[in-house]
C-alpha atoms as a PDB file:
ATOM      1  CA  GLU A   1      89.864  80.197  87.318  1.00  0.00           C
ATOM      2  CA  GLU A   2      90.438  78.940  90.860  1.00  0.00           C
ATOM      3  CA  THR A   3      90.487  82.514  92.176  1.00  0.00           C
ATOM      4  CA  ASP A   4      87.190  83.259  90.407  1.00  0.00           C
ATOM      5  CA  ARG A   5      85.657  80.133  91.900  1.00  0.00           C
ATOM      6  CA  SER A   6      86.907  80.855  95.423  1.00  0.00           C
ATOM      7  CA  VAL A   7      85.879  84.519  95.468  1.00  0.00           C
ATOM      8  CA  GLY A   8      82.536  83.569  93.934  1.00  0.00           C
ATOM      9  CA  ALA A   9      81.927  81.058  96.721  1.00  0.00           C
ATOM     10  CA  ILE A  10      82.485  83.774  99.337  1.00  0.00           C
ATOM     11  CA  ILE A  11      80.155  86.229  97.578  1.00  0.00           C
ATOM     12  CA  ASP A  12      77.485  83.535  97.181  1.00  0.00           C
ATOM     13  CA  LYS A  13      77.679  82.723 100.901  1.00  0.00           C
ATOM     14  CA  LEU A  14      77.341  86.408 101.837  1.00  0.00           C
ATOM     15  CA  LYS A  15      74.222  86.621  99.640  1.00  0.00           C
ATOM     16  CA  GLU A  16      72.823  83.428 101.167  1.00  0.00           C
ATOM     17  CA  LEU A  17      73.282  84.814 104.699  1.00  0.00           C
ATOM     18  CA  GLY A  18      71.916  88.247 103.760  1.00  0.00           C
ATOM     19  CA  LEU A  19      75.228  89.896 104.648  1.00  0.00           C
ATOM     20  CA  GLN A  20      76.433  91.241 101.307  1.00  0.00           C
ATOM     21  CA  LYS A  21      75.111  94.784 101.918  1.00  0.00           C
ATOM     22  CA  LYS A  22      76.721  94.800 105.368  1.00  0.00           C
ATOM     23  CA  THR A  23      80.115  93.506 104.273  1.00  0.00           C
ATOM     24  CA  LEU A  24      83.045  95.378 102.767  1.00  0.00           C
ATOM     25  CA  VAL A  25      84.866  93.085 100.349  1.00  0.00           C
ATOM     26  CA  LEU A  26      88.428  94.076  99.398  1.00  0.00           C
ATOM     27  CA  PHE A  27      90.364  92.287  96.671  1.00  0.00           C
ATOM     28  CA  ILE A  28      93.980  92.848  95.640  1.00  0.00           C
ATOM     29  CA  SER A  29      96.813  90.885  94.053  1.00  0.00           C
ATOM     30  CA  ASP A  30     100.178  90.530  95.798  1.00  0.00           C
ATOM     31  CA  ASN A  31     102.203  91.244  92.633  1.00  0.00           C
ATOM     32  CA  GLY A  32     102.069  91.441  88.866  1.00  0.00           C
ATOM     33  CA  GLY A  33     101.918  88.381  86.652  1.00  0.00           C
ATOM     34  CA  LEU A  34     104.829  86.204  85.574  1.00  0.00           C
ATOM     35  CA  ASP A  35     105.913  87.264  82.086  1.00  0.00           C
ATOM     36  CA  LYS A  36     106.260  83.618  81.064  1.00  0.00           C
ATOM     37  CA  TYR A  37     102.487  83.212  81.263  1.00  0.00           C
ATOM     38  CA  THR A  38     100.951  86.674  80.917  1.00  0.00           C
ATOM     39  CA  SER A  39     101.750  90.122  79.567  1.00  0.00           C
ATOM     40  CA  GLN A  40     101.916  93.272  81.676  1.00  0.00           C
ATOM     41  CA  ARG A  41     102.394  95.565  78.662  1.00  0.00           C
ATOM     42  CA  PRO A  42     102.617  98.537  78.423  1.00  0.00           C
ATOM     43  CA  LEU A  43     104.130  98.182  81.912  1.00  0.00           C
ATOM     44  CA  ARG A  44     107.778  97.215  82.224  1.00  0.00           C
ATOM     45  CA  GLY A  45     108.809  94.150  84.214  1.00  0.00           C
ATOM     46  CA  ASP A  46     106.831  91.368  85.836  1.00  0.00           C
ATOM     47  CA  LYS A  47     106.607  89.403  89.084  1.00  0.00           C
ATOM     48  CA  ILE A  48     109.630  89.826  91.394  1.00  0.00           C
ATOM     49  CA  THR A  49     110.628  93.141  89.807  1.00  0.00           C
ATOM     50  CA  LEU A  50     109.939  96.579  91.228  1.00  0.00           C
ATOM     51  CA  TYR A  51     109.079  98.043  87.839  1.00  0.00           C
ATOM     52  CA  GLU A  52     105.361  98.759  87.417  1.00  0.00           C
ATOM     53  CA  GLY A  53     104.724  95.353  85.844  1.00  0.00           C
ATOM     54  CA  GLY A  54     105.686  93.765  89.144  1.00  0.00           C
ATOM     55  CA  ILE A  55     103.937  96.043  91.636  1.00  0.00           C
ATOM     56  CA  ARG A  56     101.027  97.790  89.868  1.00  0.00           C
ATOM     57  CA  VAL A  57      97.997  95.575  90.397  1.00  0.00           C
ATOM     58  CA  PRO A  58      94.217  96.094  90.478  1.00  0.00           C
ATOM     59  CA  MET A  59      92.283  96.583  93.694  1.00  0.00           C
ATOM     60  CA  ILE A  60      88.530  96.094  94.006  1.00  0.00           C
ATOM     61  CA  ALA A  61      86.230  97.306  96.797  1.00  0.00           C
ATOM     62  CA  SER A  62      82.647  96.064  96.857  1.00  0.00           C
ATOM     63  CA  MET A  63      79.701  96.837  99.120  1.00  0.00           C
ATOM     64  CA  PRO A  64      76.312  97.056  97.343  1.00  0.00           C
ATOM     65  CA  GLY A  65      74.365 100.154  98.316  1.00  0.00           C
ATOM     66  CA  LYS A  66      77.443 101.843  99.763  1.00  0.00           C
ATOM     67  CA  ILE A  67      79.916 101.733  96.866  1.00  0.00           C
ATOM     68  CA  ALA A  68      78.600 102.549  93.389  1.00  0.00           C
ATOM     69  CA  ALA A  69      79.207  99.769  90.870  1.00  0.00           C
ATOM     70  CA  GLY A  70      81.492 100.452  87.916  1.00  0.00           C
ATOM     71  CA  LYS A  71      83.358 103.434  89.395  1.00  0.00           C
ATOM     72  CA  THR A  72      87.111 103.609  89.024  1.00  0.00           C
ATOM     73  CA  SER A  73      89.923 105.512  90.732  1.00  0.00           C
ATOM     74  CA  VAL A  74      93.563 106.151  89.858  1.00  0.00           C
ATOM     75  CA  GLU A  75      94.536 106.794  93.495  1.00  0.00           C
ATOM     76  CA  PRO A  76      97.698 104.802  94.303  1.00  0.00           C
ATOM     77  CA  VAL A  77      97.170 102.598  97.361  1.00  0.00           C
ATOM     78  CA  SER A  78      98.912  99.592  98.886  1.00  0.00           C
ATOM     79  CA  GLY A  79      98.097  96.359 100.673  1.00  0.00           C
ATOM     80  CA  ILE A  80      99.456  97.908 103.877  1.00  0.00           C
ATOM     81  CA  ASP A  81      96.430 100.240 103.793  1.00  0.00           C
ATOM     82  CA  PHE A  82      94.016  97.371 104.418  1.00  0.00           C
ATOM     83  CA  TYR A  83      94.719  97.030 108.144  1.00  0.00           C
ATOM     84  CA  PRO A  84      93.839 100.606 109.194  1.00  0.00           C
ATOM     85  CA  THR A  85      90.915 100.586 106.736  1.00  0.00           C
ATOM     86  CA  ILE A  86      89.415  97.413 108.217  1.00  0.00           C
ATOM     87  CA  CYS A  87      89.937  98.727 111.757  1.00  0.00           C
ATOM     88  CA  THR A  88      87.991 101.908 110.946  1.00  0.00           C
ATOM     89  CA  PHE A  89      85.253  99.965 109.170  1.00  0.00           C
ATOM     90  CA  MET A  90      84.828  97.689 112.185  1.00  0.00           C
ATOM     91  CA  GLY A  91      84.943 100.564 114.688  1.00  0.00           C
ATOM     92  CA  VAL A  92      88.073  99.365 116.469  1.00  0.00           C
ATOM     93  CA  LYS A  93      91.513 100.868 117.025  1.00  0.00           C
ATOM     94  CA  PRO A  94      94.783  99.311 115.837  1.00  0.00           C
ATOM     95  CA  THR A  95      96.635  97.470 118.616  1.00  0.00           C
ATOM     96  CA  ASP A  96      99.605  99.833 118.285  1.00  0.00           C
ATOM     97  CA  PRO A  97      98.687 102.901 116.164  1.00  0.00           C
ATOM     98  CA  LYS A  98     102.306 104.118 116.086  1.00  0.00           C
ATOM     99  CA  LYS A  99     103.322 100.995 114.178  1.00  0.00           C
ATOM    100  CA  VAL A 100     100.636 101.291 111.493  1.00  0.00           C
ATOM    101  CA  ASP A 101     102.358 102.003 108.171  1.00  0.00           C
ATOM    102  CA  GLY A 102      99.294 102.198 105.923  1.00  0.00           C
ATOM    103  CA  GLU A 103      96.608 104.838 105.389  1.00  0.00           C
ATOM    104  CA  ASP A 104      92.914 104.523 106.180  1.00  0.00           C
ATOM    105  CA  LEU A 105      91.063 104.187 102.846  1.00  0.00           C
ATOM    106  CA  THR A 106      87.490 104.510 104.117  1.00  0.00           C
ATOM    107  CA  ASP A 107      87.034 108.128 102.938  1.00  0.00           C
ATOM    108  CA  LEU A 108      88.544 107.217  99.565  1.00  0.00           C
ATOM    109  CA  ILE A 109      86.318 104.160  99.158  1.00  0.00           C
ATOM    110  CA  PHE A 110      83.025 105.586 100.429  1.00  0.00           C
ATOM    111  CA  LYS A 111      83.402 109.340  99.783  1.00  0.00           C
ATOM    112  CA  GLU A 112      85.907 109.367  96.891  1.00  0.00           C
ATOM    113  CA  LYS A 113      88.124 111.683  98.946  1.00  0.00           C
ATOM    114  CA  SER A 114      91.763 111.678  97.826  1.00  0.00           C
ATOM    115  CA  LEU A 115      94.520 110.728 100.254  1.00  0.00           C
ATOM    116  CA  GLY A 116      96.731 113.472  98.867  1.00  0.00           C
ATOM    117  CA  GLU A 117     100.351 113.058  97.830  1.00  0.00           C
ATOM    118  CA  ARG A 118     102.164 110.343  99.778  1.00  0.00           C
ATOM    119  CA  ASN A 119     105.277 108.202  99.590  1.00  0.00           C
ATOM    120  CA  LEU A 120     104.884 104.531  98.649  1.00  0.00           C
ATOM    121  CA  PHE A 121     107.978 102.428  99.328  1.00  0.00           C
ATOM    122  CA  TRP A 122     109.079  98.940  98.225  1.00  0.00           C
ATOM    123  CA  ASN A 123     112.211  97.247  99.576  1.00  0.00           C
ATOM    124  CA  PHE A 124     113.586  94.075  97.950  1.00  0.00           C
ATOM    125  CA  PRO A 125     117.205  93.621  99.139  1.00  0.00           C
ATOM    126  CA  SER A 126     117.682  90.104  97.775  1.00  0.00           C
ATOM    127  CA  TYR A 127     118.500  88.204  94.603  1.00  0.00           C
ATOM    128  CA  ASN A 128     116.026  86.293  92.481  1.00  0.00           C
ATOM    129  CA  SER A 129     117.834  86.061  89.173  1.00  0.00           C
ATOM    130  CA  PRO A 130     121.435  87.340  89.353  1.00  0.00           C
ATOM    131  CA  LYS A 131     121.662  87.453  85.543  1.00  0.00           C
ATOM    132  CA  ASP A 132     118.675  89.813  85.304  1.00  0.00           C
ATOM    133  CA  PRO A 133     119.468  93.319  86.654  1.00  0.00           C
ATOM    134  CA  ALA A 134     115.733  93.995  87.147  1.00  0.00           C
ATOM    135  CA  LYS A 135     115.558  91.091  89.615  1.00  0.00           C
ATOM    136  CA  CYS A 136     118.646  92.019  91.622  1.00  0.00           C
ATOM    137  CA  PRO A 137     118.485  93.869  94.969  1.00  0.00           C
ATOM    138  CA  ARG A 138     116.850  97.275  94.777  1.00  0.00           C
ATOM    139  CA  SER A 139     114.332  99.570  96.421  1.00  0.00           C
ATOM    140  CA  VAL A 140     111.874 101.949  94.836  1.00  0.00           C
ATOM    141  CA  MET A 141     109.725 104.810  96.072  1.00  0.00           C
ATOM    142  CA  ARG A 142     106.835 106.569  94.398  1.00  0.00           C
ATOM    143  CA  ARG A 143     105.696 110.096  95.220  1.00  0.00           C
ATOM    144  CA  GLY A 144     102.932 111.492  93.032  1.00  0.00           C
ATOM    145  CA  ASP A 145     103.899 110.862  89.410  1.00  0.00           C
ATOM    146  CA  TRP A 146     107.590 110.411  90.212  1.00  0.00           C
ATOM    147  CA  LYS A 147     109.291 107.112  90.948  1.00  0.00           C
ATOM    148  CA  ILE A 148     112.895 106.457  91.954  1.00  0.00           C
ATOM    149  CA  HIS A 149     114.790 103.148  91.771  1.00  0.00           C
ATOM    150  CA  HIS A 150     117.857 102.490  93.919  1.00  0.00           C
ATOM    151  CA  ARG A 151     120.048  99.647  92.631  1.00  0.00           C
ATOM    152  CA  TYR A 152     122.147  98.063  95.364  1.00  0.00           C
ATOM    153  CA  GLU A 153     124.879  96.475  93.235  1.00  0.00           C
ATOM    154  CA  ASP A 154     126.237  99.716  91.767  1.00  0.00           C
ATOM    155  CA  ASN A 155     124.477 102.165  94.125  1.00  0.00           C
ATOM    156  CA  GLY A 156     122.871 103.682  91.037  1.00  0.00           C
ATOM    157  CA  TYR A 157     119.537 105.429  90.607  1.00  0.00           C
ATOM    158  CA  GLU A 158     116.801 105.547  87.982  1.00  0.00           C
ATOM    159  CA  LEU A 159     114.093 108.200  87.823  1.00  0.00           C
ATOM    160  CA  TYR A 160     110.804 108.004  85.946  1.00  0.00           C
ATOM    161  CA  ASN A 161     107.697 110.135  85.500  1.00  0.00           C
ATOM    162  CA  LEU A 162     104.844 107.612  85.495  1.00  0.00           C
ATOM    163  CA  LYS A 163     102.287 110.076  84.151  1.00  0.00           C
ATOM    164  CA  GLU A 164     104.322 110.634  81.000  1.00  0.00           C
ATOM    165  CA  ASP A 165     106.086 107.263  80.863  1.00  0.00           C
ATOM    166  CA  ILE A 166     104.089 104.430  82.432  1.00  0.00           C
ATOM    167  CA  GLY A 167     106.439 101.916  80.779  1.00  0.00           C
ATOM    168  CA  GLU A 168     109.500 103.311  82.614  1.00  0.00           C
ATOM    169  CA  SER A 169     111.449 103.544  79.373  1.00  0.00           C
ATOM    170  CA  LYS A 170     113.015 107.003  79.844  1.00  0.00           C
ATOM    171  CA  ASP A 171     115.401 107.289  82.783  1.00  0.00           C
ATOM    172  CA  LEU A 172     115.426 110.975  83.818  1.00  0.00           C
ATOM    173  CA  SER A 173     118.038 110.685  86.579  1.00  0.00           C
ATOM    174  CA  LYS A 174     120.615 112.599  84.516  1.00  0.00           C
ATOM    175  CA  THR A 175     118.281 115.273  83.144  1.00  0.00           C
ATOM    176  CA  ARG A 176     116.167 116.134  86.219  1.00  0.00           C
ATOM    177  CA  PRO A 177     118.798 116.563  88.976  1.00  0.00           C
ATOM    178  CA  LYS A 178     116.552 118.614  91.302  1.00  0.00           C
ATOM    179  CA  ILE A 179     113.780 116.017  91.200  1.00  0.00           C
ATOM    180  CA  LEU A 180     116.353 113.251  91.709  1.00  0.00           C
ATOM    181  CA  LYS A 181     117.794 115.028  94.746  1.00  0.00           C
ATOM    182  CA  MET A 182     114.336 115.472  96.269  1.00  0.00           C
ATOM    183  CA  MET A 183     113.377 111.853  95.598  1.00  0.00           C
ATOM    184  CA  ARG A 184     116.649 110.558  97.055  1.00  0.00           C
ATOM    185  CA  LYS A 185     115.992 112.568 100.215  1.00  0.00           C
ATOM    186  CA  GLU A 186     112.490 111.090 100.501  1.00  0.00           C
ATOM    187  CA  LEU A 187     113.854 107.612  99.792  1.00  0.00           C
ATOM    188  CA  GLU A 188     116.421 107.954 102.585  1.00  0.00           C
ATOM    189  CA  ALA A 189     113.621 108.981 104.925  1.00  0.00           C
ATOM    190  CA  SER A 190     111.704 105.845 103.933  1.00  0.00           C
ATOM    191  CA  TYR A 191     114.739 103.660 104.684  1.00  0.00           C
ATOM    192  CA  ASP A 192     114.984 105.221 108.131  1.00  0.00           C
ATOM    193  CA  ARG A 193     111.241 105.130 108.848  1.00  0.00           C
ATOM    194  CA  PHE A 194     110.909 101.424 108.119  1.00  0.00           C
ATOM    195  CA  GLY A 195     114.367 100.356 109.282  1.00  0.00           C
ATOM    196  CA  ALA A 196     114.882  98.903 105.798  1.00  0.00           C
ATOM    197  CA  VAL A 197     118.079  97.392 104.459  1.00  0.00           C
ATOM    198  CA  LYS A 198     119.756  99.912 102.135  1.00  0.00           C
ATOM    199  CA  THR A 199     123.206  98.365 101.556  1.00  0.00           C
ATOM    200  CA  LEU A 200     124.374  94.806 101.053  1.00  0.00           C
ATOM    201  CA  LYS A 201     127.771  93.504 102.134  1.00  0.00           C
ATOM    202  CA  PRO A 202     129.485  90.965  99.865  1.00  0.00           C
ATOM    203  CA  ASN A 203     128.892  87.344 100.884  1.00  0.00           C
ATOM    204  CA  PRO A 204     132.298  85.973 102.029  1.00  0.00           C
ATOM    205  CA  ASP A 205     131.168  82.407 101.234  1.00  0.00           C
ATOM    206  CA  TYR A 206     130.190  83.157  97.614  1.00  0.00           C
ATOM    207  CA  VAL A 207     132.073  81.050  95.066  1.00  0.00           C
ATOM    208  CA  PRO A 208     131.439  82.028  91.420  1.00  0.00           C
ATOM    209  CA  ALA A 209     130.444  79.186  89.121  1.00  0.00           C
ATOM    210  CA  PRO A 210     133.296  78.019  86.829  1.00  0.00           C
END
C-alpha cells in the first residue's frame, strides 16, 4: 500500500508538471516476497534464496506515447541494467564504461529488440539461516533457459531447465552432464569477471551451540 501511494505521488507530480510523456519511469523489486507473508508459487523459494522465488521479480517501464500500454516481455533483465539504460536515455556516457556490468535496455524497451542470450549471475556467499540449505552460501547463473546453482558447503551443483520446470523441482545435474559442464564453465567465467567469492574457509572462531 505504501509503495502504491509513493509511486502514485511521483506519477501525479509528473502529470502536474507536464513531464510524464518526457519521462521514462522504471520500476523493479529488489527480491521476491517473504514466504511468511506472501506466496511465490509456482516458483520455488522466497526472499534471501537464489531460487526463482527469491530473484524473479516484475519490472515495469512506462512512458506514455513511447511505450505501448499493456505490452509484456519475457526477456530476462536485471537491476544492473538500469545504469547503462538511464545513461543512454539521458544522452550521457557512463563514467567508466569498462566497469559497467549491465546491458542497455533502450532497444528492448522502445523497439522490442531482444538482447540475445546472456549470462545473469547472482552471488550470495553468506549465511542467513544455517538450518535451511536454500539460505546457505551459494551462487547461481542463468543462461537462456538453463540455470545452475553452486552450493558452497558441499561444493555441489544443481541444474534446472526453467522453460520446462519453472519451479526448479527436477535437478538435471546428473542426467545432463554436457549442459552441466558448459554451465560450470560459464559460471567460473562469471566468478572471474566479477571477482566474486567462490569458496568459503571455515570460521576458526565458530563454536557450535550445545
